Amino acid sequence: MTAAWFRDAVIYEIYPQSFQDTNADGIGDLRGVIERLDYIAALGVDAIWF
């Protein structure tokens, strides 16, 4: 991997507070992001930006 891998990468920005709520408090959380990693990977995402 070269130092400029990001030039051709698909980078997906996630705002965890609005992504997915796993504990029903009305605010998304990191656990929600983790639970959806398979879906994000299936989209062809190379990196996640928080």
Protein backbone atom coordinates (compact mmCIF):
# COMPACT_ATOMS: atom_id res chain seq x y z
CA MET A 1 0.00 0.00 0.00
CA THR A 2 1.35 3.41 -0.92
CA ALA A 3 1.22 6.53 1.20
CA ALA A 4 -1.39 8.00 -1.16
CA TRP A 5 -3.89 5.11 -0.89
CA PHE A 6 -6.63 7.60 -0.05
CA ARG A 7 -6.59 9.15 -3.52
CA ASP A 8 -8.59 6.26 -4.97
CA ALA A 9 -10.30 5.21 -1.74
CA VAL A 10 -13.98 5.37 -0.90
CA ILE A 11 -14.22 7.26 2.39
CA TYR A 12 -17.57 7.16 4.19
CA GLU A 13 -18.28 9.86 6.76
CA ILE A 14 -20.39 8.81 9.72
CA TYR A 15 -21.90 11.11 12.31
CA PRO A 16 -22.47 8.54 15.09
CA GLN A 17 -25.06 10.62 16.95
CA SER A 18 -27.45 10.30 14.02
CA PHE A 19 -26.32 6.99 12.49
CA GLN A 20 -27.92 4.26 14.60
CA ASP A 21 -29.23 4.15 18.14
CA THR A 22 -28.78 0.79 19.87
CA ASN A 23 -29.87 1.63 23.41
CA ALA A 24 -33.11 3.52 22.57
CA ASP A 25 -32.05 6.82 24.12
CA GLY A 26 -32.65 8.72 20.89
CA ILE A 27 -28.97 9.31 20.12
CA GLY A 28 -26.86 7.15 17.85
CA ASP A 29 -23.81 5.50 19.33
CA LEU A 30 -20.55 3.76 18.43
CA ARG A 31 -22.14 0.37 19.02
CA GLY A 32 -24.61 1.21 16.25
CA VAL A 33 -21.74 1.91 13.88
CA ILE A 34 -20.03 -1.34 14.84
CA GLU A 35 -23.24 -3.31 14.23
CA ARG A 36 -23.42 -1.92 10.69
CA LEU A 37 -19.79 -2.50 9.66
CA ASP A 38 -20.72 -5.45 7.43
CA TYR A 39 -23.20 -3.26 5.55
CA ILE A 40 -20.66 -0.45 5.19
CA ALA A 41 -18.01 -2.89 3.93
CA ALA A 42 -20.50 -4.28 1.38
CA LEU A 43 -20.78 -0.77 -0.06
CA GLY A 44 -17.08 -0.95 -0.95
CA VAL A 45 -15.95 1.54 1.68
CA ASP A 46 -12.19 1.64 2.30
CA ALA A 47 -12.17 3.98 5.31
CA ILE A 48 -14.56 5.59 7.77
CA TRP A 49 -14.29 9.22 8.81
CA PHE A 50 -15.89 10.25 12.12
